[in-house]
Amino acid sequence: MDYILAMVVSLSIALIIMPFLMKLANKLHFTDKPNKRKQHKAPTPLCGGIALYIGFFISYFIFYKDDDMKKQLAIFVAATMIVLIGLIDDWYKSKGKEFAIFPRLVIQLLSAILVFKAGIFFRGFTNPFTNSYIELNSTIQFILTITWIFGVTTVINWSDGMDGLAGGLSLISAITFFLAALILDQGKSALLSIILGGTILGFLYYNKFPAKVFMGDSGANFLGFILSITALDGAFKQATVMSLFIPILALAVPIFDNLFVIFKRFSEGKPVYQADRSQIHFRLEEKGFTTVQVINYIMLISLTFSIFSIILLLVKQ
């Protein structure tokens, strides 16, 4: 019942506040305008990230009980930094300008470091042959944790190219993390996942094709950031070989698609962060798929990977 109530609260808050945020965004011209890359027909509010942030953290502070207040505060402050720098980036885009990459990189790295310092990090793994626990040295723990948080935050952001896509991929991942947490008896991780899932559902009501609102960089970065933390404090924390595969398989589509994009841009001599139409959703669109077909196709692939990860976990339990 706690899980259901937490999800309903986060979902309801996102549903209720979105119309007010959309109205305000339109009034302030905080909208994404159509261009050659972005083919939506009219300026669309960029306030989805704010609704995701508010819906998630209200439910989080109501239902998530942890004796370690330092950890809760670190997650809140770090996520707030991620959302704020994303909003600045979105504001620049709403004016037809580009925000510098360096400040975004600095804030994302600082946020990841803050989480690491709060005790949320990749500690080690269990040797499958000897069943002994191998704790990594602090330097490797730091590198793996920062790379994971920064990487997942980035790939979800880069996946936000069609109505409902980044939200749908994040929802599947959140549900997968929730089921894995139940199997692994990780109540706190399960609660975090279901709160995030509820918030995303509320957002997707307005973001499904044709979208009435976009999440913007603030929302995409926020989702990626929280998903990365959920994995670190959940499946990765269990540290069995099978549990290590859960987050990777749950996020397989954005991770491997964007690794392909990075390699393609690098091989063509383009800056890695230079936006183009290399992602899988653009490639499918160029092959003649409609927006709905593209979304359904990618969601089916992602869901297949997620179901496979849960089956593996159940088999090895």
C-alpha atoms as a PDB file:
ATOM      1  CA  MET A   1       0.000   0.000   0.000  1.00  0.00           C
ATOM      2  CA  ASP A   2       2.904   2.374   0.711  1.00  0.00           C
ATOM      3  CA  TYR A   3       4.219   1.812  -2.800  1.00  0.00           C
ATOM      4  CA  ILE A   4       0.815   2.399  -4.392  1.00  0.00           C
ATOM      5  CA  LEU A   5       0.150   5.512  -2.316  1.00  0.00           C
ATOM      6  CA  ALA A   6       3.579   6.974  -3.054  1.00  0.00           C
ATOM      7  CA  MET A   7       3.080   6.392  -6.777  1.00  0.00           C
ATOM      8  CA  VAL A   8      -0.428   7.885  -6.752  1.00  0.00           C
ATOM      9  CA  VAL A   9       0.785  11.005  -4.927  1.00  0.00           C
ATOM     10  CA  SER A  10       3.688  11.647  -7.335  1.00  0.00           C
ATOM     11  CA  LEU A  11       1.474  10.917 -10.353  1.00  0.00           C
ATOM     12  CA  SER A  12      -1.332  13.194  -9.096  1.00  0.00           C
ATOM     13  CA  ILE A  13       0.997  16.094  -8.351  1.00  0.00           C
ATOM     14  CA  ALA A  14       2.530  15.933 -11.845  1.00  0.00           C
ATOM     15  CA  LEU A  15      -0.948  15.762 -13.412  1.00  0.00           C
ATOM     16  CA  ILE A  16      -2.336  18.652 -11.371  1.00  0.00           C
ATOM     17  CA  ILE A  17       0.493  21.167 -11.613  1.00  0.00           C
ATOM     18  CA  MET A  18       1.315  20.647 -15.292  1.00  0.00           C
ATOM     19  CA  PRO A  19      -1.505  22.818 -16.740  1.00  0.00           C
ATOM     20  CA  PHE A  20      -0.474  25.724 -14.504  1.00  0.00           C
ATOM     21  CA  LEU A  21       3.179  25.347 -15.485  1.00  0.00           C
ATOM     22  CA  MET A  22       2.267  25.132 -19.181  1.00  0.00           C
ATOM     23  CA  LYS A  23       0.215  28.302 -18.951  1.00  0.00           C
ATOM     24  CA  LEU A  24       3.074  30.105 -17.200  1.00  0.00           C
ATOM     25  CA  ALA A  25       5.629  28.816 -19.692  1.00  0.00           C
ATOM     26  CA  ASN A  26       3.552  30.077 -22.619  1.00  0.00           C
ATOM     27  CA  LYS A  27       3.154  33.458 -20.936  1.00  0.00           C
ATOM     28  CA  LEU A  28       6.930  33.730 -20.419  1.00  0.00           C
ATOM     29  CA  HIS A  29       7.630  32.356 -23.940  1.00  0.00           C
ATOM     30  CA  PHE A  30       9.551  29.527 -22.292  1.00  0.00           C
ATOM     31  CA  THR A  31       8.861  27.280 -25.259  1.00  0.00           C
ATOM     32  CA  ASP A  32      10.663  25.095 -27.769  1.00  0.00           C
ATOM     33  CA  LYS A  33      10.289  26.517 -31.270  1.00  0.00           C
ATOM     34  CA  PRO A  34      10.216  24.317 -34.402  1.00  0.00           C
ATOM     35  CA  ASN A  35      13.359  24.196 -36.561  1.00  0.00           C
ATOM     36  CA  LYS A  36      15.065  21.858 -39.043  1.00  0.00           C
ATOM     37  CA  ARG A  37      15.890  19.282 -36.338  1.00  0.00           C
ATOM     38  CA  LYS A  38      12.681  19.739 -34.341  1.00  0.00           C
ATOM     39  CA  GLN A  39       9.620  19.137 -36.429  1.00  0.00           C
ATOM     40  CA  HIS A  40       6.811  19.869 -33.978  1.00  0.00           C
ATOM     41  CA  LYS A  41       4.318  22.287 -35.505  1.00  0.00           C
ATOM     42  CA  ALA A  42       4.008  24.970 -32.824  1.00  0.00           C
ATOM     43  CA  PRO A  43       6.007  26.400 -29.880  1.00  0.00           C
ATOM     44  CA  THR A  44       5.723  23.885 -27.022  1.00  0.00           C
ATOM     45  CA  PRO A  45       6.182  24.622 -23.284  1.00  0.00           C
ATOM     46  CA  LEU A  46       9.496  23.418 -21.838  1.00  0.00           C
ATOM     47  CA  CYS A  47       8.258  23.071 -18.266  1.00  0.00           C
ATOM     48  CA  GLY A  48       7.932  19.279 -18.000  1.00  0.00           C
ATOM     49  CA  GLY A  49      11.147  19.009 -16.016  1.00  0.00           C
ATOM     50  CA  ILE A  50       9.760  21.272 -13.285  1.00  0.00           C
ATOM     51  CA  ALA A  51       6.666  19.073 -12.890  1.00  0.00           C
ATOM     52  CA  LEU A  52       8.825  15.927 -12.745  1.00  0.00           C
ATOM     53  CA  TYR A  53      11.058  17.512 -10.097  1.00  0.00           C
ATOM     54  CA  ILE A  54       8.194  18.778  -7.919  1.00  0.00           C
ATOM     55  CA  GLY A  55       6.089  15.611  -8.218  1.00  0.00           C
ATOM     56  CA  PHE A  56       9.033  13.389  -7.378  1.00  0.00           C
ATOM     57  CA  PHE A  57      10.405  15.268  -4.380  1.00  0.00           C
ATOM     58  CA  ILE A  58       7.087  15.995  -2.657  1.00  0.00           C
ATOM     59  CA  SER A  59       6.310  12.271  -2.654  1.00  0.00           C
ATOM     60  CA  TYR A  60       9.941  11.452  -1.845  1.00  0.00           C
ATOM     61  CA  PHE A  61      10.013  13.549   1.323  1.00  0.00           C
ATOM     62  CA  ILE A  62       6.589  12.282   2.426  1.00  0.00           C
ATOM     63  CA  PHE A  63       7.211   8.557   1.989  1.00  0.00           C
ATOM     64  CA  TYR A  64      10.958   7.924   1.860  1.00  0.00           C
ATOM     65  CA  LYS A  65      12.135   7.368   5.424  1.00  0.00           C
ATOM     66  CA  ASP A  66      15.873   7.147   5.976  1.00  0.00           C
ATOM     67  CA  ASP A  67      17.877   7.602   9.148  1.00  0.00           C
ATOM     68  CA  ASP A  68      20.666   9.032   7.003  1.00  0.00           C
ATOM     69  CA  MET A  69      19.409  12.569   6.390  1.00  0.00           C
ATOM     70  CA  LYS A  70      22.749  13.416   4.802  1.00  0.00           C
ATOM     71  CA  LYS A  71      21.963  11.029   1.951  1.00  0.00           C
ATOM     72  CA  GLN A  72      18.467  12.425   1.397  1.00  0.00           C
ATOM     73  CA  LEU A  73      19.723  15.993   1.455  1.00  0.00           C
ATOM     74  CA  ALA A  74      22.552  15.163  -0.947  1.00  0.00           C
ATOM     75  CA  ILE A  75      20.138  13.636  -3.466  1.00  0.00           C
ATOM     76  CA  PHE A  76      17.851  16.660  -3.199  1.00  0.00           C
ATOM     77  CA  VAL A  77      20.615  19.264  -3.538  1.00  0.00           C
ATOM     78  CA  ALA A  78      22.367  17.406  -6.371  1.00  0.00           C
ATOM     79  CA  ALA A  79      19.106  16.886  -8.294  1.00  0.00           C
ATOM     80  CA  THR A  80      18.195  20.541  -7.769  1.00  0.00           C
ATOM     81  CA  MET A  81      21.530  21.578  -9.276  1.00  0.00           C
ATOM     82  CA  ILE A  82      20.873  19.301 -12.265  1.00  0.00           C
ATOM     83  CA  VAL A  83      17.396  20.753 -12.812  1.00  0.00           C
ATOM     84  CA  LEU A  84      18.511  24.378 -12.428  1.00  0.00           C
ATOM     85  CA  ILE A  85      21.363  24.125 -14.937  1.00  0.00           C
ATOM     86  CA  GLY A  86      18.958  22.315 -17.267  1.00  0.00           C
ATOM     87  CA  LEU A  87      16.427  25.129 -16.937  1.00  0.00           C
ATOM     88  CA  ILE A  88      19.102  27.670 -17.832  1.00  0.00           C
ATOM     89  CA  ASP A  89      19.951  25.576 -20.899  1.00  0.00           C
ATOM     90  CA  ASP A  90      16.246  25.360 -21.815  1.00  0.00           C
ATOM     91  CA  TRP A  91      15.856  29.133 -21.391  1.00  0.00           C
ATOM     92  CA  TYR A  92      18.684  29.726 -23.851  1.00  0.00           C
ATOM     93  CA  LYS A  93      17.072  27.325 -26.316  1.00  0.00           C
ATOM     94  CA  SER A  94      13.729  29.108 -25.958  1.00  0.00           C
ATOM     95  CA  LYS A  95      15.537  32.262 -27.174  1.00  0.00           C
ATOM     96  CA  GLY A  96      17.134  30.473 -30.096  1.00  0.00           C
ATOM     97  CA  LYS A  97      20.577  30.456 -28.436  1.00  0.00           C
ATOM     98  CA  GLU A  98      22.990  27.755 -27.296  1.00  0.00           C
ATOM     99  CA  PHE A  99      24.163  27.529 -23.695  1.00  0.00           C
ATOM    100  CA  ALA A 100      27.855  26.735 -23.193  1.00  0.00           C
ATOM    101  CA  ILE A 101      28.702  23.073 -22.581  1.00  0.00           C
ATOM    102  CA  PHE A 102      31.322  23.691 -19.870  1.00  0.00           C
ATOM    103  CA  PRO A 103      28.960  24.935 -17.094  1.00  0.00           C
ATOM    104  CA  ARG A 104      26.655  21.974 -17.715  1.00  0.00           C
ATOM    105  CA  LEU A 105      29.546  19.518 -17.481  1.00  0.00           C
ATOM    106  CA  VAL A 106      30.820  21.122 -14.266  1.00  0.00           C
ATOM    107  CA  ILE A 107      27.402  21.014 -12.560  1.00  0.00           C
ATOM    108  CA  GLN A 108      26.752  17.413 -13.607  1.00  0.00           C
ATOM    109  CA  LEU A 109      30.148  16.334 -12.289  1.00  0.00           C
ATOM    110  CA  LEU A 110      29.717  18.270  -9.035  1.00  0.00           C
ATOM    111  CA  SER A 111      26.283  16.711  -8.541  1.00  0.00           C
ATOM    112  CA  ALA A 112      27.712  13.223  -9.099  1.00  0.00           C
ATOM    113  CA  ILE A 113      30.541  13.931  -6.649  1.00  0.00           C
ATOM    114  CA  LEU A 114      28.041  15.159  -4.048  1.00  0.00           C
ATOM    115  CA  VAL A 115      26.144  11.867  -4.330  1.00  0.00           C
ATOM    116  CA  PHE A 116      29.391   9.892  -4.044  1.00  0.00           C
ATOM    117  CA  LYS A 117      30.418  11.822  -0.923  1.00  0.00           C
ATOM    118  CA  ALA A 118      27.015  11.045   0.632  1.00  0.00           C
ATOM    119  CA  GLY A 119      27.804   7.335   0.459  1.00  0.00           C
ATOM    120  CA  ILE A 120      25.927   6.357  -2.696  1.00  0.00           C
ATOM    121  CA  PHE A 121      28.499   4.659  -4.905  1.00  0.00           C
ATOM    122  CA  PHE A 122      29.585   1.421  -6.552  1.00  0.00           C
ATOM    123  CA  ARG A 123      31.409  -0.471  -3.807  1.00  0.00           C
ATOM    124  CA  GLY A 124      32.324  -3.781  -5.402  1.00  0.00           C
ATOM    125  CA  PHE A 125      30.947  -7.152  -6.428  1.00  0.00           C
ATOM    126  CA  THR A 126      30.714 -10.768  -5.358  1.00  0.00           C
ATOM    127  CA  ASN A 127      33.097 -13.179  -7.022  1.00  0.00           C
ATOM    128  CA  PRO A 128      30.767 -15.762  -8.678  1.00  0.00           C
ATOM    129  CA  PHE A 129      33.351 -18.538  -8.320  1.00  0.00           C
ATOM    130  CA  THR A 130      34.277 -18.107  -4.646  1.00  0.00           C
ATOM    131  CA  ASN A 131      31.209 -16.160  -3.388  1.00  0.00           C
ATOM    132  CA  SER A 132      33.639 -13.788  -1.681  1.00  0.00           C
ATOM    133  CA  TYR A 133      32.957 -10.062  -1.777  1.00  0.00           C
ATOM    134  CA  ILE A 134      35.526  -7.954  -3.610  1.00  0.00           C
ATOM    135  CA  GLU A 135      35.558  -4.332  -2.497  1.00  0.00           C
ATOM    136  CA  LEU A 136      37.182  -2.020  -5.014  1.00  0.00           C
ATOM    137  CA  ASN A 137      39.692   0.605  -3.955  1.00  0.00           C
ATOM    138  CA  SER A 138      38.374   4.131  -3.455  1.00  0.00           C
ATOM    139  CA  THR A 139      39.790   5.515  -6.716  1.00  0.00           C
ATOM    140  CA  ILE A 140      38.064   2.879  -8.847  1.00  0.00           C
ATOM    141  CA  GLN A 141      34.854   3.304  -6.818  1.00  0.00           C
ATOM    142  CA  PHE A 142      34.952   7.031  -7.528  1.00  0.00           C
ATOM    143  CA  ILE A 143      35.665   6.663 -11.259  1.00  0.00           C
ATOM    144  CA  LEU A 144      32.970   4.017 -11.811  1.00  0.00           C
ATOM    145  CA  THR A 145      30.353   5.947  -9.816  1.00  0.00           C
ATOM    146  CA  ILE A 146      30.957   9.308 -11.492  1.00  0.00           C
ATOM    147  CA  THR A 147      31.091   7.697 -14.939  1.00  0.00           C
ATOM    148  CA  TRP A 148      27.818   5.844 -14.315  1.00  0.00           C
ATOM    149  CA  ILE A 149      25.914   8.885 -12.998  1.00  0.00           C
ATOM    150  CA  PHE A 150      27.255  11.201 -15.693  1.00  0.00           C
ATOM    151  CA  GLY A 151      26.735   8.603 -18.429  1.00  0.00           C
ATOM    152  CA  VAL A 152      23.121   7.705 -17.594  1.00  0.00           C
ATOM    153  CA  THR A 153      22.207  11.374 -17.155  1.00  0.00           C
ATOM    154  CA  THR A 154      23.628  12.090 -20.605  1.00  0.00           C
ATOM    155  CA  VAL A 155      22.110   9.151 -22.502  1.00  0.00           C
ATOM    156  CA  ILE A 156      18.590   9.866 -21.251  1.00  0.00           C
ATOM    157  CA  ASN A 157      19.034  13.494 -22.283  1.00  0.00           C
ATOM    158  CA  TRP A 158      20.209  12.501 -25.749  1.00  0.00           C
ATOM    159  CA  SER A 159      17.260  10.119 -26.102  1.00  0.00           C
ATOM    160  CA  ASP A 160      14.787  12.967 -25.712  1.00  0.00           C
ATOM    161  CA  GLY A 161      14.098  13.477 -29.393  1.00  0.00           C
ATOM    162  CA  MET A 162      10.462  12.447 -29.911  1.00  0.00           C
ATOM    163  CA  ASP A 163       7.193  12.808 -28.048  1.00  0.00           C
ATOM    164  CA  GLY A 164       7.089  10.367 -25.154  1.00  0.00           C
ATOM    165  CA  LEU A 165      10.404   8.661 -25.981  1.00  0.00           C
ATOM    166  CA  ALA A 166      12.711   9.634 -23.096  1.00  0.00           C
ATOM    167  CA  GLY A 167       9.779   9.449 -20.682  1.00  0.00           C
ATOM    168  CA  GLY A 168       8.757   6.023 -21.948  1.00  0.00           C
ATOM    169  CA  LEU A 169      12.288   4.624 -21.745  1.00  0.00           C
ATOM    170  CA  SER A 170      12.685   6.057 -18.237  1.00  0.00           C
ATOM    171  CA  LEU A 171       9.330   4.600 -17.158  1.00  0.00           C
ATOM    172  CA  ILE A 172      10.309   1.104 -18.321  1.00  0.00           C
ATOM    173  CA  SER A 173      13.626   1.438 -16.487  1.00  0.00           C
ATOM    174  CA  ALA A 174      11.941   2.675 -13.299  1.00  0.00           C
ATOM    175  CA  ILE A 175       9.461  -0.227 -13.330  1.00  0.00           C
ATOM    176  CA  THR A 176      12.313  -2.679 -13.952  1.00  0.00           C
ATOM    177  CA  PHE A 177      14.253  -1.247 -11.008  1.00  0.00           C
ATOM    178  CA  PHE A 178      11.109  -1.493  -8.871  1.00  0.00           C
ATOM    179  CA  LEU A 179      10.563  -5.181  -9.694  1.00  0.00           C
ATOM    180  CA  ALA A 180      14.254  -5.956  -9.188  1.00  0.00           C
ATOM    181  CA  ALA A 181      14.189  -4.197  -5.815  1.00  0.00           C
ATOM    182  CA  LEU A 182      11.183  -6.275  -4.718  1.00  0.00           C
ATOM    183  CA  ILE A 183      12.967  -9.486  -5.757  1.00  0.00           C
ATOM    184  CA  LEU A 184      16.150  -8.407  -3.955  1.00  0.00           C
ATOM    185  CA  ASP A 185      14.181  -7.256  -0.901  1.00  0.00           C
ATOM    186  CA  GLN A 186      15.354  -3.644  -1.207  1.00  0.00           C
ATOM    187  CA  GLY A 187      12.404  -1.633   0.094  1.00  0.00           C
ATOM    188  CA  LYS A 188      13.982   1.815  -0.156  1.00  0.00           C
ATOM    189  CA  SER A 189      15.126   1.291  -3.725  1.00  0.00           C
ATOM    190  CA  ALA A 190      11.665  -0.025  -4.644  1.00  0.00           C
ATOM    191  CA  LEU A 191      10.047   3.084  -3.145  1.00  0.00           C
ATOM    192  CA  LEU A 192      12.405   5.415  -5.000  1.00  0.00           C
ATOM    193  CA  SER A 193      11.678   3.619  -8.278  1.00  0.00           C
ATOM    194  CA  ILE A 194       7.881   3.628  -7.910  1.00  0.00           C
ATOM    195  CA  ILE A 195       7.809   7.326  -6.948  1.00  0.00           C
ATOM    196  CA  LEU A 196       9.789   8.113 -10.088  1.00  0.00           C
ATOM    197  CA  GLY A 197       7.510   5.868 -12.147  1.00  0.00           C
ATOM    198  CA  GLY A 198       4.402   7.660 -10.897  1.00  0.00           C
ATOM    199  CA  THR A 199       5.860  11.069 -11.700  1.00  0.00           C
ATOM    200  CA  ILE A 200       6.783   9.961 -15.215  1.00  0.00           C
ATOM    201  CA  LEU A 201       3.265   8.590 -15.792  1.00  0.00           C
ATOM    202  CA  GLY A 202       1.782  11.957 -14.827  1.00  0.00           C
ATOM    203  CA  PHE A 203       4.147  13.719 -17.216  1.00  0.00           C
ATOM    204  CA  LEU A 204       3.514  11.294 -20.102  1.00  0.00           C
ATOM    205  CA  TYR A 205      -0.206  12.131 -20.022  1.00  0.00           C
ATOM    206  CA  TYR A 206       0.778  15.505 -21.495  1.00  0.00           C
ATOM    207  CA  ASN A 207       3.885  14.373 -23.397  1.00  0.00           C
ATOM    208  CA  LYS A 208       2.460  11.480 -25.425  1.00  0.00           C
ATOM    209  CA  PHE A 209       2.170  12.120 -29.167  1.00  0.00           C
ATOM    210  CA  PRO A 210       1.241  14.800 -30.106  1.00  0.00           C
ATOM    211  CA  ALA A 211       2.983  16.366 -27.094  1.00  0.00           C
ATOM    212  CA  LYS A 212       1.486  19.349 -25.289  1.00  0.00           C
ATOM    213  CA  VAL A 213       4.652  19.822 -23.222  1.00  0.00           C
ATOM    214  CA  PHE A 214       8.337  18.882 -23.395  1.00  0.00           C
ATOM    215  CA  MET A 215      10.549  17.858 -20.464  1.00  0.00           C
ATOM    216  CA  GLY A 216      13.471  19.883 -21.782  1.00  0.00           C
ATOM    217  CA  ASP A 217      17.061  19.318 -20.726  1.00  0.00           C
ATOM    218  CA  SER A 218      16.017  19.941 -17.127  1.00  0.00           C
ATOM    219  CA  GLY A 219      13.608  16.994 -17.160  1.00  0.00           C
ATOM    220  CA  ALA A 220      15.732  14.605 -19.223  1.00  0.00           C
ATOM    221  CA  ASN A 221      18.822  15.210 -17.088  1.00  0.00           C
ATOM    222  CA  PHE A 222      16.737  14.875 -13.924  1.00  0.00           C
ATOM    223  CA  LEU A 223      15.320  11.499 -14.998  1.00  0.00           C
ATOM    224  CA  GLY A 224      18.733  10.165 -15.967  1.00  0.00           C
ATOM    225  CA  PHE A 225      20.255  11.417 -12.717  1.00  0.00           C
ATOM    226  CA  ILE A 226      17.607   9.816 -10.476  1.00  0.00           C
ATOM    227  CA  LEU A 227      17.690   6.544 -12.449  1.00  0.00           C
ATOM    228  CA  SER A 228      21.471   6.351 -12.038  1.00  0.00           C
ATOM    229  CA  ILE A 229      21.167   6.902  -8.273  1.00  0.00           C
ATOM    230  CA  THR A 230      18.386   4.312  -8.006  1.00  0.00           C
ATOM    231  CA  ALA A 231      20.636   1.726  -9.650  1.00  0.00           C
ATOM    232  CA  LEU A 232      23.578   2.565  -7.377  1.00  0.00           C
ATOM    233  CA  ASP A 233      21.434   2.329  -4.265  1.00  0.00           C
ATOM    234  CA  GLY A 234      19.603  -0.766  -5.507  1.00  0.00           C
ATOM    235  CA  ALA A 235      20.759  -3.415  -7.984  1.00  0.00           C
ATOM    236  CA  PHE A 236      24.421  -2.352  -7.933  1.00  0.00           C
ATOM    237  CA  LYS A 237      24.340  -2.355  -4.142  1.00  0.00           C
ATOM    238  CA  GLN A 238      23.426  -6.062  -4.134  1.00  0.00           C
ATOM    239  CA  ALA A 239      26.582  -6.660  -6.149  1.00  0.00           C
ATOM    240  CA  THR A 240      25.838 -10.186  -7.362  1.00  0.00           C
ATOM    241  CA  VAL A 241      26.775 -10.811 -10.985  1.00  0.00           C
ATOM    242  CA  MET A 242      23.138 -10.973 -12.108  1.00  0.00           C
ATOM    243  CA  SER A 243      22.103  -7.846 -10.229  1.00  0.00           C
ATOM    244  CA  LEU A 244      24.886  -5.908 -11.965  1.00  0.00           C
ATOM    245  CA  PHE A 245      23.234  -6.619 -15.304  1.00  0.00           C
ATOM    246  CA  ILE A 246      19.823  -5.230 -14.265  1.00  0.00           C
ATOM    247  CA  PRO A 247      20.515  -1.488 -14.732  1.00  0.00           C
ATOM    248  CA  ILE A 248      22.543  -2.061 -17.899  1.00  0.00           C
ATOM    249  CA  LEU A 249      19.801  -4.145 -19.539  1.00  0.00           C
ATOM    250  CA  ALA A 250      17.029  -1.849 -18.289  1.00  0.00           C
ATOM    251  CA  LEU A 251      18.816   1.102 -19.913  1.00  0.00           C
ATOM    252  CA  ALA A 252      20.209  -0.897 -22.847  1.00  0.00           C
ATOM    253  CA  VAL A 253      18.501   1.085 -25.617  1.00  0.00           C
ATOM    254  CA  PRO A 254      19.677   4.584 -24.610  1.00  0.00           C
ATOM    255  CA  ILE A 255      23.107   3.321 -23.498  1.00  0.00           C
ATOM    256  CA  PHE A 256      24.043   1.363 -26.623  1.00  0.00           C
ATOM    257  CA  ASP A 257      22.318   3.692 -29.076  1.00  0.00           C
ATOM    258  CA  ASN A 258      24.220   6.669 -27.730  1.00  0.00           C
ATOM    259  CA  LEU A 259      27.512   4.761 -27.643  1.00  0.00           C
ATOM    260  CA  PHE A 260      26.896   4.253 -31.367  1.00  0.00           C
ATOM    261  CA  VAL A 261      26.169   7.985 -31.765  1.00  0.00           C
ATOM    262  CA  ILE A 262      29.392   8.942 -29.938  1.00  0.00           C
ATOM    263  CA  PHE A 263      31.448   6.582 -32.120  1.00  0.00           C
ATOM    264  CA  LYS A 264      29.774   7.892 -35.300  1.00  0.00           C
ATOM    265  CA  ARG A 265      30.355  11.551 -34.444  1.00  0.00           C
ATOM    266  CA  PHE A 266      33.924  10.840 -33.377  1.00  0.00           C
ATOM    267  CA  SER A 267      34.696   8.907 -36.580  1.00  0.00           C
ATOM    268  CA  GLU A 268      33.254  11.756 -38.661  1.00  0.00           C
ATOM    269  CA  GLY A 269      35.363  14.316 -36.823  1.00  0.00           C
ATOM    270  CA  LYS A 270      32.351  16.034 -35.244  1.00  0.00           C
ATOM    271  CA  PRO A 271      32.209  17.296 -31.645  1.00  0.00           C
ATOM    272  CA  VAL A 272      30.625  14.584 -29.482  1.00  0.00           C
ATOM    273  CA  TYR A 273      28.094  17.063 -28.052  1.00  0.00           C
ATOM    274  CA  GLN A 274      27.101  18.492 -31.442  1.00  0.00           C
ATOM    275  CA  ALA A 275      23.395  17.701 -31.923  1.00  0.00           C
ATOM    276  CA  ASP A 276      22.480  15.826 -35.096  1.00  0.00           C
ATOM    277  CA  ARG A 277      20.034  13.149 -36.231  1.00  0.00           C
ATOM    278  CA  SER A 278      22.168  10.072 -35.466  1.00  0.00           C
ATOM    279  CA  GLN A 279      19.989   8.552 -32.736  1.00  0.00           C
ATOM    280  CA  ILE A 280      17.903   5.461 -33.434  1.00  0.00           C
ATOM    281  CA  HIS A 281      14.600   7.365 -33.432  1.00  0.00           C
ATOM    282  CA  PHE A 282      15.832   9.689 -36.198  1.00  0.00           C
ATOM    283  CA  ARG A 283      17.271   6.787 -38.196  1.00  0.00           C
ATOM    284  CA  LEU A 284      13.955   4.926 -38.028  1.00  0.00           C
ATOM    285  CA  GLU A 285      12.085   8.081 -39.017  1.00  0.00           C
ATOM    286  CA  GLU A 286      14.309   8.454 -42.089  1.00  0.00           C
ATOM    287  CA  LYS A 287      13.374   4.879 -43.063  1.00  0.00           C
ATOM    288  CA  GLY A 288       9.716   5.907 -43.237  1.00  0.00           C
ATOM    289  CA  PHE A 289       8.455   4.989 -39.758  1.00  0.00           C
ATOM    290  CA  THR A 290       5.793   7.282 -38.310  1.00  0.00           C
ATOM    291  CA  THR A 291       6.365   8.863 -34.903  1.00  0.00           C
ATOM    292  CA  VAL A 292       3.997   6.411 -33.213  1.00  0.00           C
ATOM    293  CA  GLN A 293       5.669   3.445 -34.952  1.00  0.00           C
ATOM    294  CA  VAL A 294       9.121   4.645 -33.905  1.00  0.00           C
ATOM    295  CA  ILE A 295       8.066   5.045 -30.269  1.00  0.00           C
ATOM    296  CA  ASN A 296       6.306   1.652 -30.164  1.00  0.00           C
ATOM    297  CA  TYR A 297       9.258  -0.100 -31.815  1.00  0.00           C
ATOM    298  CA  ILE A 298      11.844   1.351 -29.426  1.00  0.00           C
ATOM    299  CA  MET A 299       9.616   0.757 -26.381  1.00  0.00           C
ATOM    300  CA  LEU A 300       9.195  -2.893 -27.419  1.00  0.00           C
ATOM    301  CA  ILE A 301      12.971  -3.362 -27.667  1.00  0.00           C
ATOM    302  CA  SER A 302      13.510  -1.701 -24.288  1.00  0.00           C
ATOM    303  CA  LEU A 303      10.741  -3.750 -22.674  1.00  0.00           C
ATOM    304  CA  THR A 304      12.240  -6.964 -24.068  1.00  0.00           C
ATOM    305  CA  PHE A 305      15.634  -6.190 -22.519  1.00  0.00           C
ATOM    306  CA  SER A 306      13.985  -5.321 -19.204  1.00  0.00           C
ATOM    307  CA  ILE A 307      11.893  -8.499 -19.084  1.00  0.00           C
ATOM    308  CA  PHE A 308      15.004 -10.519 -19.921  1.00  0.00           C
ATOM    309  CA  SER A 309      16.882  -8.874 -17.019  1.00  0.00           C
ATOM    310  CA  ILE A 310      14.115  -9.748 -14.556  1.00  0.00           C
ATOM    311  CA  ILE A 311      13.964 -13.348 -15.814  1.00  0.00           C
ATOM    312  CA  LEU A 312      17.742 -13.672 -15.345  1.00  0.00           C
ATOM    313  CA  LEU A 313      17.443 -12.330 -11.833  1.00  0.00           C
ATOM    314  CA  LEU A 314      14.612 -14.733 -10.943  1.00  0.00           C
ATOM    315  CA  VAL A 315      16.473 -17.716 -12.389  1.00  0.00           C
ATOM    316  CA  LYS A 316      19.588 -16.929 -10.369  1.00  0.00           C
ATOM    317  CA  GLN A 317      17.754 -16.230  -7.093  1.00  0.00           C
END
